[in-house]
């Protein structure tokens, strides 16, 4: 019995200050982000999708909206699909006027393998895989979509592919509104595919990969 769970990253967020927003409320899709969500909905249209769920964050819910309209499905909300917790939420990150220049933040940088500044990678992968298993069971023999965030999706992919969970953030293959598709055969993961329905938009100079 083959079932596919598509992990969709949300579209671009309106964030002119460049804040690491994490789980903070009030961050919505930009105009380009809504176009990305529309592109993802068009890419998913016609597939055998029977279940749609989303992280509770506004940007994920807004990405799910055009998919729900296109596929005529309700959007379920699953807390396990939420963005990873991060000590640096609400701050800019970097040297100069960023968080790295402030000594009070340095103790959170001691272990990049866990990581020490936020939710452990193993915990992220565990909650994501549990959510995916429930969605897989609900959509058995068909397909499902889970709208989530870059880090949870990328860590989960590394987990199922048997790779170390620690990584360089700039090397994640998880673009804005991208789709990481996990294929199950009788409950066992057998394949992972990747697509960028909004790739042309996400490569435009005015669209950051945040």
N, C-alpha and C. Protein backbone atom coordinates (compact mmCIF):
# COMPACT_ATOMS: atom_id res chain seq x y z
N UNK A 1 0.85 -1.19 0.00
CA UNK A 1 0.00 0.00 0.00
C UNK A 1 0.89 1.24 0.00
N UNK A 2 0.89 1.99 -1.08
CA UNK A 2 1.75 3.17 -1.20
C UNK A 2 0.99 4.42 -0.78
N UNK A 3 1.63 5.22 0.06
CA UNK A 3 1.08 6.50 0.52
C UNK A 3 2.19 7.55 0.43
N UNK A 4 1.85 8.74 -0.02
CA UNK A 4 2.84 9.82 -0.13
C UNK A 4 2.43 10.97 0.79
N UNK A 5 3.39 11.43 1.60
CA UNK A 5 3.19 12.60 2.45
C UNK A 5 4.10 13.71 1.92
N UNK A 6 3.49 14.80 1.46
CA UNK A 6 4.23 15.95 0.94
C UNK A 6 4.45 16.96 2.07
N UNK A 7 5.71 17.29 2.33
CA UNK A 7 6.04 18.32 3.32
C UNK A 7 6.28 19.62 2.57
N UNK A 8 5.37 20.55 2.72
CA UNK A 8 5.43 21.83 2.00
C UNK A 8 5.93 22.93 2.92
N UNK A 9 7.02 23.56 2.53
CA UNK A 9 7.48 24.73 3.29
C UNK A 9 6.61 25.93 2.92
N UNK A 10 6.32 26.78 3.89
CA UNK A 10 5.53 27.98 3.64
C UNK A 10 6.24 28.92 2.67
N UNK A 11 5.48 29.88 2.13
CA UNK A 11 6.04 30.88 1.23
C UNK A 11 6.77 31.99 1.97
N UNK A 12 7.25 32.96 1.21
CA UNK A 12 8.02 34.06 1.79
C UNK A 12 7.19 34.86 2.79
N UNK A 13 7.84 35.28 3.86
CA UNK A 13 7.21 36.05 4.93
C UNK A 13 7.58 37.53 4.79
N UNK A 14 6.64 38.41 5.09
CA UNK A 14 6.93 39.84 5.11
C UNK A 14 7.71 40.13 6.39
N UNK A 15 8.99 40.47 6.23
CA UNK A 15 9.87 40.63 7.38
C UNK A 15 10.98 41.63 7.03
N UNK A 16 10.62 42.90 6.81
CA UNK A 16 11.62 43.88 6.35
C UNK A 16 12.75 44.12 7.33
N UNK A 17 12.53 43.85 8.62
CA UNK A 17 13.60 44.08 9.61
C UNK A 17 14.58 42.92 9.68
N UNK A 18 14.28 41.80 9.02
CA UNK A 18 15.18 40.65 9.06
C UNK A 18 15.26 39.98 10.41
N UNK A 19 14.16 39.97 11.15
CA UNK A 19 14.11 39.36 12.47
C UNK A 19 14.00 37.85 12.34
N UNK A 20 14.65 37.13 13.26
CA UNK A 20 14.43 35.69 13.35
C UNK A 20 13.11 35.48 14.09
N UNK A 21 12.05 35.24 13.34
CA UNK A 21 10.72 35.26 13.95
C UNK A 21 10.35 33.93 14.61
N UNK A 22 10.88 32.81 14.16
CA UNK A 22 10.63 31.54 14.83
C UNK A 22 9.16 31.27 15.06
N UNK A 23 8.78 31.14 16.32
CA UNK A 23 7.39 30.87 16.69
C UNK A 23 6.62 32.13 17.09
N UNK A 24 7.21 33.29 16.89
CA UNK A 24 6.53 34.52 17.25
C UNK A 24 5.29 34.72 16.38
N UNK A 25 4.19 35.19 16.96
CA UNK A 25 2.98 35.45 16.16
C UNK A 25 3.12 36.73 15.36
N UNK A 26 2.24 36.89 14.39
CA UNK A 26 2.15 38.15 13.68
C UNK A 26 2.97 38.24 12.41
N UNK A 27 3.58 37.15 11.99
CA UNK A 27 4.37 37.16 10.76
C UNK A 27 3.59 36.45 9.65
N UNK A 28 3.24 37.23 8.64
CA UNK A 28 2.36 36.76 7.57
C UNK A 28 3.10 36.68 6.24
N UNK A 29 2.50 36.02 5.27
CA UNK A 29 3.09 35.94 3.94
C UNK A 29 3.16 37.32 3.30
N UNK A 30 4.22 37.55 2.56
CA UNK A 30 4.33 38.75 1.73
C UNK A 30 3.50 38.55 0.47
N UNK A 31 3.43 39.57 -0.36
CA UNK A 31 2.73 39.42 -1.64
C UNK A 31 3.36 38.31 -2.48
N UNK A 32 4.70 38.26 -2.51
CA UNK A 32 5.36 37.19 -3.24
C UNK A 32 5.10 35.83 -2.59
N UNK A 33 5.01 35.83 -1.26
CA UNK A 33 4.72 34.58 -0.55
C UNK A 33 3.37 34.01 -0.93
N UNK A 34 2.40 34.88 -1.14
CA UNK A 34 1.08 34.40 -1.57
C UNK A 34 1.12 33.84 -2.99
N UNK A 35 1.94 34.46 -3.84
CA UNK A 35 2.12 33.92 -5.19
C UNK A 35 2.78 32.54 -5.13
N UNK A 36 3.71 32.37 -4.21
CA UNK A 36 4.36 31.08 -4.02
C UNK A 36 3.35 30.02 -3.57
N UNK A 37 2.48 30.40 -2.65
CA UNK A 37 1.45 29.47 -2.17
C UNK A 37 0.53 29.08 -3.32
N UNK A 38 0.18 30.03 -4.17
CA UNK A 38 -0.65 29.73 -5.34
C UNK A 38 0.06 28.76 -6.28
N UNK A 39 1.38 28.97 -6.47
CA UNK A 39 2.15 28.08 -7.34
C UNK A 39 2.19 26.66 -6.79
N UNK A 40 2.32 26.55 -5.47
CA UNK A 40 2.32 25.23 -4.85
C UNK A 40 0.97 24.55 -5.02
N UNK A 41 -0.12 25.33 -4.87
CA UNK A 41 -1.47 24.76 -5.03
C UNK A 41 -1.67 24.25 -6.45
N UNK A 42 -1.17 24.99 -7.44
CA UNK A 42 -1.29 24.54 -8.83
C UNK A 42 -0.50 23.27 -9.07
N UNK A 43 0.68 23.18 -8.46
CA UNK A 43 1.52 22.00 -8.62
C UNK A 43 0.87 20.76 -8.01
N UNK A 44 0.17 20.96 -6.91
CA UNK A 44 -0.48 19.84 -6.21
C UNK A 44 -1.84 19.47 -6.82
N UNK A 45 -2.41 20.37 -7.58
CA UNK A 45 -3.72 20.12 -8.17
C UNK A 45 -3.67 18.89 -9.08
N UNK A 46 -4.68 18.04 -8.95
CA UNK A 46 -4.75 16.84 -9.77
C UNK A 46 -4.13 15.62 -9.13
N UNK A 47 -3.40 15.80 -8.03
CA UNK A 47 -2.84 14.66 -7.33
C UNK A 47 -3.91 14.04 -6.41
N UNK A 48 -3.68 12.84 -6.00
CA UNK A 48 -4.66 12.09 -5.21
C UNK A 48 -4.52 12.43 -3.72
N UNK A 49 -4.71 13.71 -3.40
CA UNK A 49 -4.53 14.20 -2.03
C UNK A 49 -5.87 14.17 -1.29
N UNK A 50 -5.88 13.51 -0.14
CA UNK A 50 -7.11 13.38 0.64
C UNK A 50 -7.01 14.03 2.02
N UNK A 51 -5.80 14.43 2.44
CA UNK A 51 -5.61 15.02 3.77
C UNK A 51 -4.70 16.23 3.64
N UNK A 52 -5.07 17.32 4.31
CA UNK A 52 -4.28 18.55 4.33
C UNK A 52 -4.20 19.05 5.76
N UNK A 53 -2.98 19.24 6.25
CA UNK A 53 -2.82 19.79 7.59
C UNK A 53 -1.67 20.79 7.60
N UNK A 54 -1.60 21.57 8.67
CA UNK A 54 -0.65 22.68 8.69
C UNK A 54 -0.17 22.95 10.11
N UNK A 55 1.03 23.51 10.17
CA UNK A 55 1.52 24.14 11.39
C UNK A 55 0.54 25.24 11.80
N UNK A 56 0.46 25.56 13.10
CA UNK A 56 -0.46 26.63 13.53
C UNK A 56 0.02 28.04 13.20
N UNK A 57 1.26 28.22 12.78
CA UNK A 57 1.77 29.56 12.52
C UNK A 57 1.05 30.20 11.33
N UNK A 58 0.85 31.53 11.40
CA UNK A 58 0.07 32.23 10.37
C UNK A 58 0.61 31.98 8.96
N UNK A 59 1.92 32.02 8.80
CA UNK A 59 2.50 31.87 7.47
C UNK A 59 2.22 30.49 6.87
N UNK A 60 2.16 29.49 7.71
CA UNK A 60 1.85 28.14 7.23
C UNK A 60 0.37 28.02 6.90
N UNK A 61 -0.48 28.55 7.76
CA UNK A 61 -1.92 28.51 7.52
C UNK A 61 -2.27 29.25 6.23
N UNK A 62 -1.61 30.39 6.00
CA UNK A 62 -1.88 31.17 4.78
C UNK A 62 -1.38 30.45 3.53
N UNK A 63 -0.30 29.67 3.67
CA UNK A 63 0.18 28.87 2.54
C UNK A 63 -0.79 27.74 2.23
N UNK A 64 -1.43 27.22 3.26
CA UNK A 64 -2.39 26.12 3.06
C UNK A 64 -3.69 26.58 2.42
N UNK A 65 -4.05 27.86 2.56
CA UNK A 65 -5.36 28.34 2.10
C UNK A 65 -5.63 28.06 0.62
N UNK A 66 -4.74 28.45 -0.32
CA UNK A 66 -5.05 28.19 -1.73
C UNK A 66 -5.08 26.70 -2.06
N UNK A 67 -4.34 25.90 -1.31
CA UNK A 67 -4.37 24.46 -1.52
C UNK A 67 -5.72 23.90 -1.11
N UNK A 68 -6.23 24.37 0.04
CA UNK A 68 -7.55 23.94 0.49
C UNK A 68 -8.62 24.31 -0.52
N UNK A 69 -8.52 25.51 -1.07
CA UNK A 69 -9.50 25.96 -2.06
C UNK A 69 -9.40 25.14 -3.35
N UNK A 70 -8.19 24.87 -3.78
CA UNK A 70 -7.98 24.13 -5.02
C UNK A 70 -8.43 22.68 -4.90
N UNK A 71 -8.11 22.05 -3.77
CA UNK A 71 -8.39 20.63 -3.60
C UNK A 71 -9.72 20.36 -2.88
N UNK A 72 -10.39 21.43 -2.43
CA UNK A 72 -11.67 21.30 -1.72
C UNK A 72 -11.52 20.42 -0.48
N UNK A 73 -10.49 20.76 0.31
CA UNK A 73 -10.22 20.02 1.54
C UNK A 73 -10.17 20.96 2.73
N UNK A 74 -10.58 20.50 3.91
CA UNK A 74 -10.39 21.31 5.11
C UNK A 74 -8.93 21.28 5.53
N UNK A 75 -8.51 22.30 6.27
CA UNK A 75 -7.14 22.36 6.78
C UNK A 75 -7.14 21.95 8.25
N UNK A 76 -6.48 20.85 8.55
CA UNK A 76 -6.28 20.46 9.94
C UNK A 76 -5.04 21.14 10.49
N UNK A 77 -5.02 21.43 11.78
CA UNK A 77 -3.87 22.06 12.42
C UNK A 77 -3.19 21.07 13.34
N UNK A 78 -1.88 20.93 13.19
CA UNK A 78 -1.11 20.00 14.01
C UNK A 78 0.08 20.73 14.62
N UNK A 79 0.10 20.85 15.93
CA UNK A 79 1.18 21.55 16.64
C UNK A 79 2.54 20.91 16.38
N UNK A 80 2.57 19.64 16.03
CA UNK A 80 3.85 18.96 15.81
C UNK A 80 4.56 19.43 14.55
N UNK A 81 3.86 20.16 13.69
CA UNK A 81 4.46 20.69 12.46
C UNK A 81 5.03 22.09 12.64
N UNK A 82 5.01 22.61 13.86
CA UNK A 82 5.41 23.99 14.12
C UNK A 82 6.91 24.19 13.90
N UNK A 83 7.30 25.45 13.75
CA UNK A 83 8.71 25.82 13.62
C UNK A 83 9.47 25.38 14.88
N UNK A 84 10.77 25.18 14.75
CA UNK A 84 11.60 24.82 15.90
C UNK A 84 11.72 26.00 16.86
N UNK A 85 11.75 25.71 18.15
CA UNK A 85 11.99 26.74 19.14
C UNK A 85 13.43 27.25 19.03
N UNK A 86 13.65 28.55 19.30
CA UNK A 86 14.98 29.14 19.10
C UNK A 86 15.19 30.28 20.10
N UNK A 87 16.31 30.26 20.79
CA UNK A 87 16.64 31.31 21.76
C UNK A 87 16.67 32.69 21.11
N UNK A 88 17.00 32.76 19.83
CA UNK A 88 17.21 34.04 19.16
C UNK A 88 15.94 34.63 18.54
N UNK A 89 14.78 34.05 18.83
CA UNK A 89 13.53 34.62 18.33
C UNK A 89 13.41 36.09 18.72
N UNK A 90 13.00 36.91 17.77
CA UNK A 90 12.81 38.33 18.03
C UNK A 90 14.06 39.16 17.85
N UNK A 91 15.19 38.52 17.54
CA UNK A 91 16.45 39.23 17.35
C UNK A 91 16.91 39.10 15.90
N UNK A 92 17.79 40.00 15.51
CA UNK A 92 18.54 39.78 14.27
C UNK A 92 19.75 38.95 14.63
N UNK A 93 20.27 38.20 13.66
CA UNK A 93 21.35 37.27 13.95
C UNK A 93 22.56 37.63 13.10
N UNK A 94 23.73 37.73 13.74
CA UNK A 94 24.95 38.05 13.01
C UNK A 94 25.85 38.93 13.84
N UNK A 95 26.98 39.31 13.27
CA UNK A 95 27.91 40.21 13.96
C UNK A 95 27.47 41.64 13.72
N UNK A 96 28.25 42.60 14.21
CA UNK A 96 27.85 44.00 14.07
C UNK A 96 26.75 44.31 15.06
N UNK A 97 25.55 44.65 14.55
CA UNK A 97 24.45 44.98 15.46
C UNK A 97 23.56 43.76 15.71
N UNK A 98 23.99 42.56 15.30
CA UNK A 98 23.22 41.35 15.52
C UNK A 98 23.51 40.71 16.86
N UNK A 99 22.83 39.59 17.13
CA UNK A 99 22.92 38.93 18.43
C UNK A 99 24.31 38.40 18.74
N UNK A 100 25.08 38.03 17.72
CA UNK A 100 26.39 37.44 17.98
C UNK A 100 27.37 38.41 18.62
N UNK A 101 27.09 39.70 18.56
CA UNK A 101 27.99 40.69 19.16
C UNK A 101 27.71 40.89 20.65
N UNK A 102 26.69 40.23 21.18
CA UNK A 102 26.29 40.45 22.57
C UNK A 102 26.65 39.25 23.43
N UNK A 103 27.52 39.44 24.44
CA UNK A 103 28.02 38.33 25.24
C UNK A 103 26.93 37.51 25.91
N UNK A 104 25.77 38.10 26.22
CA UNK A 104 24.74 37.33 26.91
C UNK A 104 24.20 36.19 26.06
N UNK A 105 24.43 36.25 24.75
CA UNK A 105 23.95 35.19 23.87
C UNK A 105 24.99 34.08 23.65
N UNK A 106 26.23 34.33 23.98
CA UNK A 106 27.30 33.39 23.65
C UNK A 106 27.12 32.01 24.29
N UNK A 107 26.61 31.91 25.54
CA UNK A 107 26.45 30.58 26.12
C UNK A 107 25.52 29.66 25.33
N UNK A 108 24.68 30.23 24.47
CA UNK A 108 23.75 29.41 23.69
C UNK A 108 24.38 28.85 22.41
N UNK A 109 25.65 29.18 22.18
CA UNK A 109 26.30 28.78 20.93
C UNK A 109 27.33 27.67 21.12
N UNK A 110 27.37 27.06 22.28
CA UNK A 110 28.47 26.14 22.59
C UNK A 110 28.37 24.81 21.86
N UNK A 111 27.17 24.38 21.48
CA UNK A 111 27.03 23.06 20.87
C UNK A 111 26.16 23.11 19.62
N UNK A 112 26.78 23.25 18.43
CA UNK A 112 25.99 23.31 17.20
C UNK A 112 25.39 21.96 16.80
N UNK A 113 25.82 20.88 17.42
CA UNK A 113 25.35 19.56 17.03
C UNK A 113 24.01 19.19 17.65
N UNK A 114 23.62 19.87 18.74
CA UNK A 114 22.37 19.53 19.42
C UNK A 114 21.15 20.17 18.79
N UNK A 115 20.97 21.45 18.58
CA UNK A 115 21.88 22.56 18.87
C UNK A 115 21.55 23.20 20.22
N UNK A 116 22.53 23.89 20.79
CA UNK A 116 22.36 24.47 22.12
C UNK A 116 21.50 25.72 22.13
N UNK A 117 21.20 26.31 20.97
CA UNK A 117 20.41 27.55 20.93
C UNK A 117 18.92 27.30 20.74
N UNK A 118 18.52 26.05 20.63
CA UNK A 118 17.09 25.82 20.39
C UNK A 118 16.68 24.38 20.60
N UNK A 119 15.54 24.04 20.03
CA UNK A 119 14.98 22.69 20.16
C UNK A 119 15.95 21.67 19.56
N UNK A 120 16.23 20.58 20.27
CA UNK A 120 17.16 19.57 19.74
C UNK A 120 16.68 18.98 18.41
N UNK A 121 17.62 18.73 17.51
CA UNK A 121 17.28 18.18 16.21
C UNK A 121 16.53 16.86 16.33
N UNK A 122 16.96 16.01 17.25
CA UNK A 122 16.29 14.71 17.41
C UNK A 122 14.83 14.89 17.80
N UNK A 123 14.57 15.84 18.67
CA UNK A 123 13.20 16.11 19.10
C UNK A 123 12.35 16.62 17.94
N UNK A 124 12.93 17.49 17.12
CA UNK A 124 12.21 18.01 15.95
C UNK A 124 11.83 16.87 15.02
N UNK A 125 12.81 16.02 14.69
CA UNK A 125 12.55 14.91 13.78
C UNK A 125 11.52 13.96 14.35
N UNK A 126 11.58 13.70 15.64
CA UNK A 126 10.65 12.76 16.28
C UNK A 126 9.21 13.26 16.19
N UNK A 127 8.99 14.54 16.48
CA UNK A 127 7.61 15.05 16.45
C UNK A 127 7.08 15.13 15.01
N UNK A 128 7.96 15.50 14.08
CA UNK A 128 7.55 15.56 12.67
C UNK A 128 7.18 14.18 12.15
N UNK A 129 8.00 13.19 12.44
CA UNK A 129 7.72 11.83 11.96
C UNK A 129 6.45 11.27 12.57
N UNK A 130 6.17 11.65 13.82
CA UNK A 130 4.92 11.20 14.45
C UNK A 130 3.71 11.83 13.77
N UNK A 131 3.81 13.12 13.45
CA UNK A 131 2.72 13.79 12.73
C UNK A 131 2.53 13.18 11.35
N UNK A 132 3.63 12.92 10.67
CA UNK A 132 3.56 12.33 9.34
C UNK A 132 2.95 10.93 9.38
N UNK A 133 3.26 10.16 10.41
CA UNK A 133 2.70 8.82 10.53
C UNK A 133 1.18 8.87 10.69
N UNK A 134 0.70 9.82 11.47
CA UNK A 134 -0.76 9.95 11.65
C UNK A 134 -1.42 10.36 10.34
N UNK A 135 -0.79 11.29 9.62
CA UNK A 135 -1.34 11.74 8.35
C UNK A 135 -1.29 10.61 7.32
N UNK A 136 -0.20 9.87 7.34
CA UNK A 136 -0.08 8.71 6.43
C UNK A 136 -1.21 7.72 6.66
N UNK A 137 -1.51 7.44 7.92
CA UNK A 137 -2.59 6.50 8.23
C UNK A 137 -3.94 7.03 7.78
N UNK A 138 -4.14 8.34 7.94
CA UNK A 138 -5.42 8.94 7.55
C UNK A 138 -5.60 8.96 6.04
N UNK A 139 -4.48 9.02 5.31
CA UNK A 139 -4.54 9.10 3.84
C UNK A 139 -4.10 7.80 3.19
N UNK A 140 -4.17 6.71 3.91
CA UNK A 140 -3.62 5.43 3.44
C UNK A 140 -4.03 5.11 2.00
N UNK A 141 -3.04 4.83 1.19
CA UNK A 141 -3.29 4.52 -0.22
C UNK A 141 -3.45 5.73 -1.10
N UNK A 142 -3.36 6.92 -0.51
CA UNK A 142 -3.52 8.17 -1.27
C UNK A 142 -2.34 9.08 -0.97
N UNK A 143 -2.56 10.39 -0.94
CA UNK A 143 -1.50 11.36 -0.65
C UNK A 143 -2.00 12.39 0.36
N UNK A 144 -1.05 13.02 1.04
CA UNK A 144 -1.38 14.04 2.03
C UNK A 144 -0.38 15.18 1.94
N UNK A 145 -0.78 16.34 2.43
CA UNK A 145 0.09 17.52 2.46
C UNK A 145 0.19 18.03 3.89
N UNK A 146 1.43 18.27 4.34
CA UNK A 146 1.68 18.89 5.64
C UNK A 146 2.46 20.18 5.41
N UNK A 147 1.90 21.31 5.78
CA UNK A 147 2.58 22.59 5.61
C UNK A 147 3.39 22.88 6.87
N UNK A 148 4.69 23.03 6.71
CA UNK A 148 5.56 23.21 7.86
C UNK A 148 6.63 24.25 7.54
N UNK A 149 7.82 24.09 8.11
CA UNK A 149 8.86 25.11 8.07
C UNK A 149 10.19 24.48 7.66
N UNK A 150 11.13 25.34 7.25
CA UNK A 150 12.36 24.83 6.65
C UNK A 150 13.13 23.87 7.56
N UNK A 151 13.45 24.30 8.78
CA UNK A 151 14.28 23.45 9.64
C UNK A 151 13.61 22.13 9.97
N UNK A 152 12.36 22.11 10.41
CA UNK A 152 11.72 20.81 10.67
C UNK A 152 11.70 19.88 9.46
N UNK A 153 11.43 20.44 8.28
CA UNK A 153 11.39 19.61 7.08
C UNK A 153 12.77 19.07 6.75
N UNK A 154 13.78 19.93 6.82
CA UNK A 154 15.12 19.50 6.44
C UNK A 154 15.69 18.48 7.41
N UNK A 155 15.50 18.69 8.72
CA UNK A 155 15.99 17.74 9.72
C UNK A 155 15.29 16.40 9.55
N UNK A 156 14.01 16.43 9.26
CA UNK A 156 13.27 15.18 9.06
C UNK A 156 13.79 14.44 7.84
N UNK A 157 14.05 15.17 6.77
CA UNK A 157 14.61 14.51 5.57
C UNK A 157 15.95 13.87 5.88
N UNK A 158 16.82 14.58 6.60
CA UNK A 158 18.11 14.01 6.95
C UNK A 158 17.95 12.77 7.81
N UNK A 159 16.98 12.79 8.70
CA UNK A 159 16.72 11.64 9.57
C UNK A 159 16.33 10.41 8.75
N UNK A 160 15.38 10.55 7.84
CA UNK A 160 14.90 9.39 7.10
C UNK A 160 15.94 8.92 6.08
N UNK A 161 16.83 9.80 5.66
CA UNK A 161 17.89 9.41 4.74
C UNK A 161 19.14 8.88 5.45
N UNK A 162 19.09 8.84 6.79
CA UNK A 162 20.18 8.28 7.56
C UNK A 162 21.41 9.17 7.64
N UNK A 163 21.22 10.47 7.49
CA UNK A 163 22.34 11.41 7.56
C UNK A 163 22.39 12.07 8.93
N UNK A 164 23.56 12.60 9.33
CA UNK A 164 23.63 13.34 10.61
C UNK A 164 22.64 14.49 10.59
N UNK A 165 22.05 14.79 11.74
CA UNK A 165 21.05 15.85 11.79
C UNK A 165 21.69 17.24 11.84
N UNK A 166 22.90 17.36 12.36
CA UNK A 166 23.58 18.66 12.36
C UNK A 166 24.01 18.97 10.93
N UNK A 167 24.03 20.25 10.59
CA UNK A 167 24.27 20.65 9.21
C UNK A 167 24.55 22.15 9.16
N UNK A 168 24.98 22.62 8.00
CA UNK A 168 25.17 24.05 7.76
C UNK A 168 23.85 24.61 7.23
N UNK A 169 23.26 25.61 7.90
CA UNK A 169 21.95 26.13 7.47
C UNK A 169 21.91 26.60 6.02
N UNK A 170 23.03 27.12 5.51
CA UNK A 170 23.04 27.65 4.14
C UNK A 170 22.98 26.53 3.10
N UNK A 171 23.15 25.29 3.52
CA UNK A 171 23.18 24.17 2.57
C UNK A 171 21.90 23.34 2.58
N UNK A 172 20.86 23.86 3.20
CA UNK A 172 19.59 23.13 3.22
C UNK A 172 18.94 23.17 1.84
N UNK A 173 18.48 22.00 1.39
CA UNK A 173 17.71 21.95 0.14
C UNK A 173 16.23 21.96 0.54
N UNK A 174 15.76 23.17 0.78
CA UNK A 174 14.36 23.32 1.22
C UNK A 174 13.95 24.77 0.96
N UNK A 175 13.76 25.10 -0.33
CA UNK A 175 13.42 26.45 -0.72
C UNK A 175 12.02 26.86 -0.30
N UNK A 176 11.75 28.13 -0.45
CA UNK A 176 10.43 28.66 -0.13
C UNK A 176 9.36 27.98 -0.97
N UNK A 177 8.30 27.52 -0.32
CA UNK A 177 7.18 26.83 -0.97
C UNK A 177 7.63 25.57 -1.71
N UNK A 178 8.73 24.99 -1.27
CA UNK A 178 9.19 23.73 -1.87
C UNK A 178 8.42 22.55 -1.29
N UNK A 179 8.50 21.43 -2.00
CA UNK A 179 7.78 20.22 -1.60
C UNK A 179 8.77 19.07 -1.45
N UNK A 180 8.88 18.54 -0.25
CA UNK A 180 9.66 17.34 0.02
C UNK A 180 8.67 16.19 0.18
N UNK A 181 8.69 15.25 -0.75
CA UNK A 181 7.68 14.19 -0.80
C UNK A 181 8.26 12.88 -0.27
N UNK A 182 7.62 12.34 0.75
CA UNK A 182 8.07 11.10 1.39
C UNK A 182 7.09 9.99 1.01
N UNK A 183 7.61 8.95 0.36
CA UNK A 183 6.77 7.84 -0.07
C UNK A 183 6.91 6.68 0.90
N UNK A 184 5.76 6.20 1.38
CA UNK A 184 5.69 5.04 2.26
C UNK A 184 5.15 3.84 1.48
N UNK A 185 5.71 2.67 1.73
CA UNK A 185 5.19 1.42 1.18
C UNK A 185 4.89 0.52 2.36
N UNK A 186 3.59 0.30 2.61
CA UNK A 186 3.16 -0.47 3.79
C UNK A 186 3.78 0.06 5.07
N UNK A 187 3.81 1.38 5.21
CA UNK A 187 4.28 2.02 6.43
C UNK A 187 5.77 2.25 6.49
N UNK A 188 6.53 1.78 5.53
CA UNK A 188 7.99 1.94 5.52
C UNK A 188 8.38 3.00 4.49
N UNK A 189 9.24 3.93 4.88
CA UNK A 189 9.68 4.97 3.96
C UNK A 189 10.63 4.35 2.93
N UNK A 190 10.29 4.54 1.64
CA UNK A 190 11.09 3.94 0.57
C UNK A 190 11.71 4.97 -0.36
N UNK A 191 11.24 6.22 -0.32
CA UNK A 191 11.75 7.21 -1.26
C UNK A 191 11.47 8.62 -0.77
N UNK A 192 12.38 9.54 -1.09
CA UNK A 192 12.19 10.96 -0.81
C UNK A 192 12.46 11.74 -2.11
N UNK A 193 11.51 12.57 -2.50
CA UNK A 193 11.65 13.40 -3.69
C UNK A 193 11.56 14.87 -3.28
N UNK A 194 12.06 15.74 -4.16
CA UNK A 194 12.06 17.18 -3.86
C UNK A 194 11.69 17.96 -5.11
N UNK A 195 10.87 18.99 -4.94
CA UNK A 195 10.46 19.84 -6.06
C UNK A 195 10.31 21.28 -5.57
N UNK A 196 10.45 22.22 -6.49
CA UNK A 196 10.28 23.64 -6.18
C UNK A 196 9.24 24.26 -7.12
N UNK A 197 7.96 24.11 -6.79
CA UNK A 197 6.92 24.68 -7.65
C UNK A 197 7.02 26.18 -7.82
N UNK A 198 7.57 26.87 -6.81
CA UNK A 198 7.70 28.33 -6.87
C UNK A 198 9.16 28.73 -7.08
N UNK A 199 9.94 27.85 -7.69
CA UNK A 199 11.37 28.11 -7.83
C UNK A 199 11.70 29.40 -8.54
N UNK A 200 10.96 29.73 -9.59
CA UNK A 200 11.24 30.96 -10.33
C UNK A 200 11.04 32.19 -9.45
N UNK A 201 10.03 32.15 -8.60
CA UNK A 201 9.78 33.28 -7.69
C UNK A 201 10.85 33.36 -6.61
N UNK A 202 11.21 32.22 -6.03
CA UNK A 202 12.14 32.24 -4.90
C UNK A 202 13.55 32.63 -5.30
N UNK A 203 13.86 32.59 -6.60
CA UNK A 203 15.19 32.99 -7.06
C UNK A 203 15.25 34.45 -7.48
N UNK A 204 14.13 35.15 -7.37
CA UNK A 204 14.15 36.57 -7.71
C UNK A 204 14.96 37.34 -6.68
N UNK A 205 15.70 38.38 -7.09
CA UNK A 205 16.60 39.08 -6.16
C UNK A 205 15.90 39.69 -4.95
N UNK A 206 14.64 40.07 -5.07
CA UNK A 206 13.97 40.75 -3.97
C UNK A 206 13.30 39.78 -3.00
N UNK A 207 13.52 38.48 -3.21
CA UNK A 207 12.89 37.48 -2.34
C UNK A 207 13.97 36.76 -1.55
N UNK A 208 14.13 37.07 -0.26
CA UNK A 208 15.14 36.38 0.55
C UNK A 208 14.68 34.97 0.89
N UNK A 209 15.63 34.11 1.16
CA UNK A 209 15.29 32.74 1.53
C UNK A 209 15.08 32.57 3.01
N UNK A 210 14.29 33.44 3.62
CA UNK A 210 14.08 33.38 5.07
C UNK A 210 12.84 32.59 5.40
